[in-house]
Amino acid sequence: MKGKFYAVFHFCFGWLIRLIFRVRIVGRQNEPTQEQGPYLVCANHQTLLDPILVCAATKRQQPHFMAKAELFKIPVLRGLIRKLGAYPVSRGKSDVGAVKHAIALLQSGRSVGLFPQGTRCPEQNPRDCKIKFGAGLIASRAGAQVLPVHIKMKNNKWKFLRRVTVIIGQPIPFADLGYEEGVAGEYARVSEQIYDVICRLGEEAGK
């Protein structure tokens, strides 16, 4: 599901973003159509550009990303990012409201974007980065399929005019996550399972 403003913005500027940042997209056909249901797109996180790159690489649905609450205090920016589907999250603490909002979006048929790392992990091999259990929590509570994405940059660092490859993997049906309600540590396990797929997408592309 796409908002009208997002659809127009994506049509007008998506190609420009891909051109400026030299974005190469692999597996674009793997993105579910709206008829195939909403998804939780999960990707590795290295730069501030990552949400923009994910949105530019996908086209069938609109991923709604969390954005730090401070951005919504900037008058001009606040209206724009809200129209683009972003919603606030308070960093440095557990924001239950933001998590509930993400779950509600998925249950209402909208797609959501999330980084399992929780924060940027620049210039590091994604395998070496710590992850949080938010991806597992949201996917499990919403019963959502997961779209794994790997953002691949040379030396895991963005540089102007350097190629960026966005690899979109096969969607992971919710049933394949093997979530068992009431079992301790399930959210963390599901998050690790999702993140392992994300990492393997980049590793296999490098072979």
Protein backbone atom coordinates (compact mmCIF):
# COMPACT_ATOMS: atom_id res chain seq x y z
CA MET A 1 0.00 0.00 0.00
CA LYS A 2 1.31 3.44 -0.99
CA GLY A 3 0.28 6.90 0.06
CA LYS A 4 -0.44 9.27 -2.85
CA PHE A 5 2.28 11.73 -1.80
CA TYR A 6 4.85 8.95 -1.45
CA ALA A 7 3.92 7.46 -4.82
CA VAL A 8 4.37 10.80 -6.59
CA PHE A 9 7.59 11.57 -4.71
CA HIS A 10 9.00 8.14 -5.50
CA PHE A 11 8.08 8.44 -9.18
CA CYS A 12 9.68 11.90 -9.46
CA PHE A 13 12.80 11.40 -7.38
CA GLY A 14 13.44 7.66 -7.03
CA TRP A 15 15.35 7.47 -10.30
CA LEU A 16 17.39 10.55 -9.35
CA ILE A 17 18.42 9.03 -6.02
CA ARG A 18 19.46 5.82 -7.77
CA LEU A 19 21.47 7.85 -10.27
CA ILE A 20 23.21 10.14 -7.77
CA PHE A 21 24.17 7.34 -5.40
CA ARG A 22 24.94 4.87 -8.20
CA VAL A 23 22.50 2.33 -6.83
CA ARG A 24 22.53 -1.13 -8.40
CA ILE A 25 19.53 -3.24 -7.46
CA VAL A 26 19.67 -7.03 -7.36
CA GLY A 27 16.54 -9.12 -6.86
CA ARG A 28 14.02 -6.35 -7.30
CA GLN A 29 11.49 -8.93 -8.50
CA ASN A 30 11.51 -10.43 -4.99
CA GLU A 31 9.57 -7.55 -3.48
CA PRO A 32 6.00 -8.73 -2.76
CA THR A 33 3.18 -7.06 -4.62
CA GLN A 34 0.41 -5.36 -2.66
CA GLU A 35 -1.79 -8.38 -3.35
CA GLN A 36 0.78 -10.63 -1.67
CA GLY A 37 0.44 -8.68 1.55
CA PRO A 38 2.53 -6.22 3.55
CA TYR A 39 6.08 -6.96 4.59
CA LEU A 40 8.61 -6.01 7.25
CA VAL A 41 11.70 -5.05 5.28
CA CYS A 42 14.86 -5.58 7.32
CA ALA A 43 18.32 -4.45 6.23
CA ASN A 44 21.80 -3.93 7.60
CA HIS A 45 22.49 -0.35 8.71
CA GLN A 46 25.68 1.55 7.91
CA THR A 47 24.80 5.12 6.94
CA LEU A 48 22.10 7.77 7.32
CA LEU A 49 21.27 7.12 3.66
CA ASP A 50 20.06 3.56 4.26
CA PRO A 51 16.30 4.28 4.60
CA ILE A 52 16.47 6.37 1.42
CA LEU A 53 18.33 3.62 -0.43
CA VAL A 54 15.82 0.97 0.63
CA CYS A 55 12.88 3.14 -0.47
CA ALA A 56 14.57 3.93 -3.78
CA ALA A 57 15.26 0.24 -4.42
CA THR A 58 11.72 -0.93 -3.68
CA LYS A 59 8.77 0.17 -5.79
CA ARG A 60 5.74 -2.04 -5.23
CA GLN A 61 5.01 -0.98 -1.66
CA GLN A 62 5.85 1.88 0.70
CA PRO A 63 8.09 0.98 3.66
CA HIS A 64 7.28 3.10 6.73
CA PHE A 65 10.47 3.74 8.69
CA MET A 66 11.03 4.85 12.25
CA ALA A 67 12.89 8.16 12.52
CA LYS A 68 14.41 9.71 15.60
CA ALA A 69 11.96 11.94 17.44
CA GLU A 70 14.25 14.97 17.20
CA LEU A 71 13.63 15.21 13.44
CA PHE A 72 9.94 15.82 14.06
CA LYS A 73 10.79 18.99 15.97
CA ILE A 74 12.12 20.63 12.80
CA PRO A 75 9.11 22.45 11.27
CA VAL A 76 9.93 22.11 7.57
CA LEU A 77 11.25 18.56 7.82
CA ARG A 78 8.50 17.29 10.10
CA GLY A 79 5.72 17.62 7.52
CA LEU A 80 7.79 16.08 4.73
CA ILE A 81 8.93 12.97 6.56
CA ARG A 82 5.45 12.35 7.91
CA LYS A 83 4.04 12.47 4.38
CA LEU A 84 6.77 10.03 3.34
CA GLY A 85 5.53 7.61 5.98
CA ALA A 86 8.07 8.08 8.78
CA TYR A 87 6.99 7.98 12.40
CA PRO A 88 8.92 9.04 15.55
CA VAL A 89 10.87 6.83 17.91
CA SER A 90 12.66 7.93 21.07
CA ARG A 91 16.22 6.67 20.88
CA GLY A 92 18.17 5.39 23.85
CA LYS A 93 15.15 3.83 25.51
CA SER A 94 12.44 1.31 24.84
CA ASP A 95 9.73 3.12 22.87
CA VAL A 96 6.67 0.91 23.27
CA GLY A 97 4.50 3.34 21.34
CA ALA A 98 6.71 3.17 18.24
CA VAL A 99 6.73 -0.64 18.35
CA LYS A 100 2.94 -0.77 18.69
CA HIS A 101 2.61 1.65 15.78
CA ALA A 102 4.81 -0.55 13.57
CA ILE A 103 2.72 -3.60 14.43
CA ALA A 104 -0.50 -1.69 13.75
CA LEU A 105 0.81 -0.55 10.35
CA LEU A 106 1.55 -4.14 9.31
CA GLN A 107 -1.79 -5.39 10.57
CA SER A 108 -3.55 -2.68 8.58
CA GLY A 109 -1.85 -3.77 5.34
CA ARG A 110 1.04 -1.30 5.27
CA SER A 111 4.69 -2.26 5.02
CA VAL A 112 7.34 -1.27 7.56
CA GLY A 113 11.10 -0.75 7.36
CA LEU A 114 13.44 -1.65 10.20
CA PHE A 115 17.14 -2.19 10.89
CA PRO A 116 17.79 -5.14 13.25
CA GLN A 117 20.97 -3.43 14.46
CA GLY A 118 18.90 -0.62 15.89
CA THR A 119 21.59 1.91 15.07
CA ARG A 120 24.22 2.52 12.43
CA CYS A 121 27.26 0.26 12.36
CA PRO A 122 29.60 2.09 9.93
CA GLU A 123 32.76 0.59 8.47
CA GLN A 124 32.15 -2.78 10.12
CA ASN A 125 31.38 -6.18 8.73
CA PRO A 126 27.63 -6.63 9.37
CA ARG A 127 28.42 -10.00 10.97
CA ASP A 128 30.36 -8.18 13.70
CA CYS A 129 27.49 -5.85 14.62
CA LYS A 130 25.21 -6.43 17.57
CA ILE A 131 21.50 -6.66 16.89
CA LYS A 132 18.40 -6.03 18.97
CA PHE A 133 15.21 -8.06 19.25
CA GLY A 134 12.88 -5.46 17.69
CA ALA A 135 12.68 -7.17 14.30
CA GLY A 136 11.69 -10.46 15.89
CA LEU A 137 9.19 -8.77 18.19
CA ILE A 138 7.43 -6.81 15.44
CA ALA A 139 7.39 -9.65 12.91
CA SER A 140 6.08 -12.10 15.50
CA ARG A 141 3.40 -9.84 16.95
CA ALA A 142 2.16 -8.81 13.50
CA GLY A 143 2.50 -12.26 11.93
CA ALA A 144 4.26 -10.55 9.03
CA GLN A 145 6.42 -11.85 6.23
CA VAL A 146 9.95 -10.43 6.18
CA LEU A 147 11.75 -8.99 3.18
CA PRO A 148 15.53 -9.27 3.79
CA VAL A 149 17.73 -6.64 2.17
CA HIS A 150 21.50 -6.24 2.16
CA ILE A 151 23.03 -2.84 1.45
CA LYS A 152 26.50 -3.59 0.12
CA MET A 153 29.25 -0.95 0.02
CA LYS A 154 32.97 -1.33 -0.57
CA ASN A 155 34.72 -1.63 2.81
CA ASN A 156 31.27 -1.21 4.39
CA LYS A 157 31.62 2.54 3.93
CA TRP A 158 29.72 4.98 1.74
CA LYS A 159 31.72 7.30 -0.48
CA PHE A 160 30.43 9.77 -3.04
CA LEU A 161 30.28 8.27 -6.56
CA ARG A 162 31.10 4.81 -5.21
CA ARG A 163 28.72 2.05 -6.29
CA VAL A 164 26.08 0.90 -3.79
CA THR A 165 24.42 -2.46 -4.35
CA VAL A 166 21.03 -3.14 -2.78
CA ILE A 167 20.29 -6.85 -2.73
CA ILE A 168 16.66 -7.84 -2.18
CA GLY A 169 16.28 -11.42 -1.03
CA GLN A 170 13.38 -13.83 -1.21
CA PRO A 171 10.58 -12.95 1.25
CA ILE A 172 10.56 -15.05 4.40
CA PRO A 173 7.01 -16.23 5.16
CA PHE A 174 6.06 -15.75 8.79
CA ALA A 175 5.60 -19.50 9.23
CA ASP A 176 9.23 -20.08 8.21
CA LEU A 177 10.42 -18.02 11.18
CA GLY A 178 9.24 -20.84 13.44
CA TYR A 179 7.98 -18.49 16.13
CA GLU A 180 6.73 -20.26 19.27
CA GLU A 181 4.59 -18.06 21.46
CA GLY A 182 5.42 -18.08 25.15
CA VAL A 183 8.93 -19.48 24.69
CA ALA A 184 11.64 -17.39 26.32
CA GLY A 185 14.09 -15.71 23.96
CA GLU A 186 11.97 -16.18 20.83
CA TYR A 187 12.08 -12.53 19.76
CA ALA A 188 15.87 -12.53 19.93
CA ARG A 189 16.10 -15.84 18.07
CA VAL A 190 13.80 -14.65 15.29
CA SER A 191 15.83 -11.44 14.98
CA GLU A 192 19.03 -13.44 14.68
CA GLN A 193 17.45 -15.69 12.05
CA ILE A 194 16.40 -12.67 9.99
CA TYR A 195 19.77 -10.98 10.35
CA ASP A 196 21.61 -14.14 9.32
CA VAL A 197 19.69 -14.12 6.03
CA ILE A 198 20.57 -10.45 5.52
CA CYS A 199 24.27 -11.12 6.08
CA ARG A 200 24.28 -14.15 3.78
CA LEU A 201 22.80 -12.08 0.97
CA GLY A 202 25.87 -9.84 1.06
CA GLU A 203 28.33 -12.69 1.55
CA GLU A 204 26.96 -14.72 -1.36
CA ALA A 205 27.01 -11.65 -3.59
CA GLY A 206 30.70 -11.19 -2.84
CA LYS A 207 31.65 -14.66 -4.05
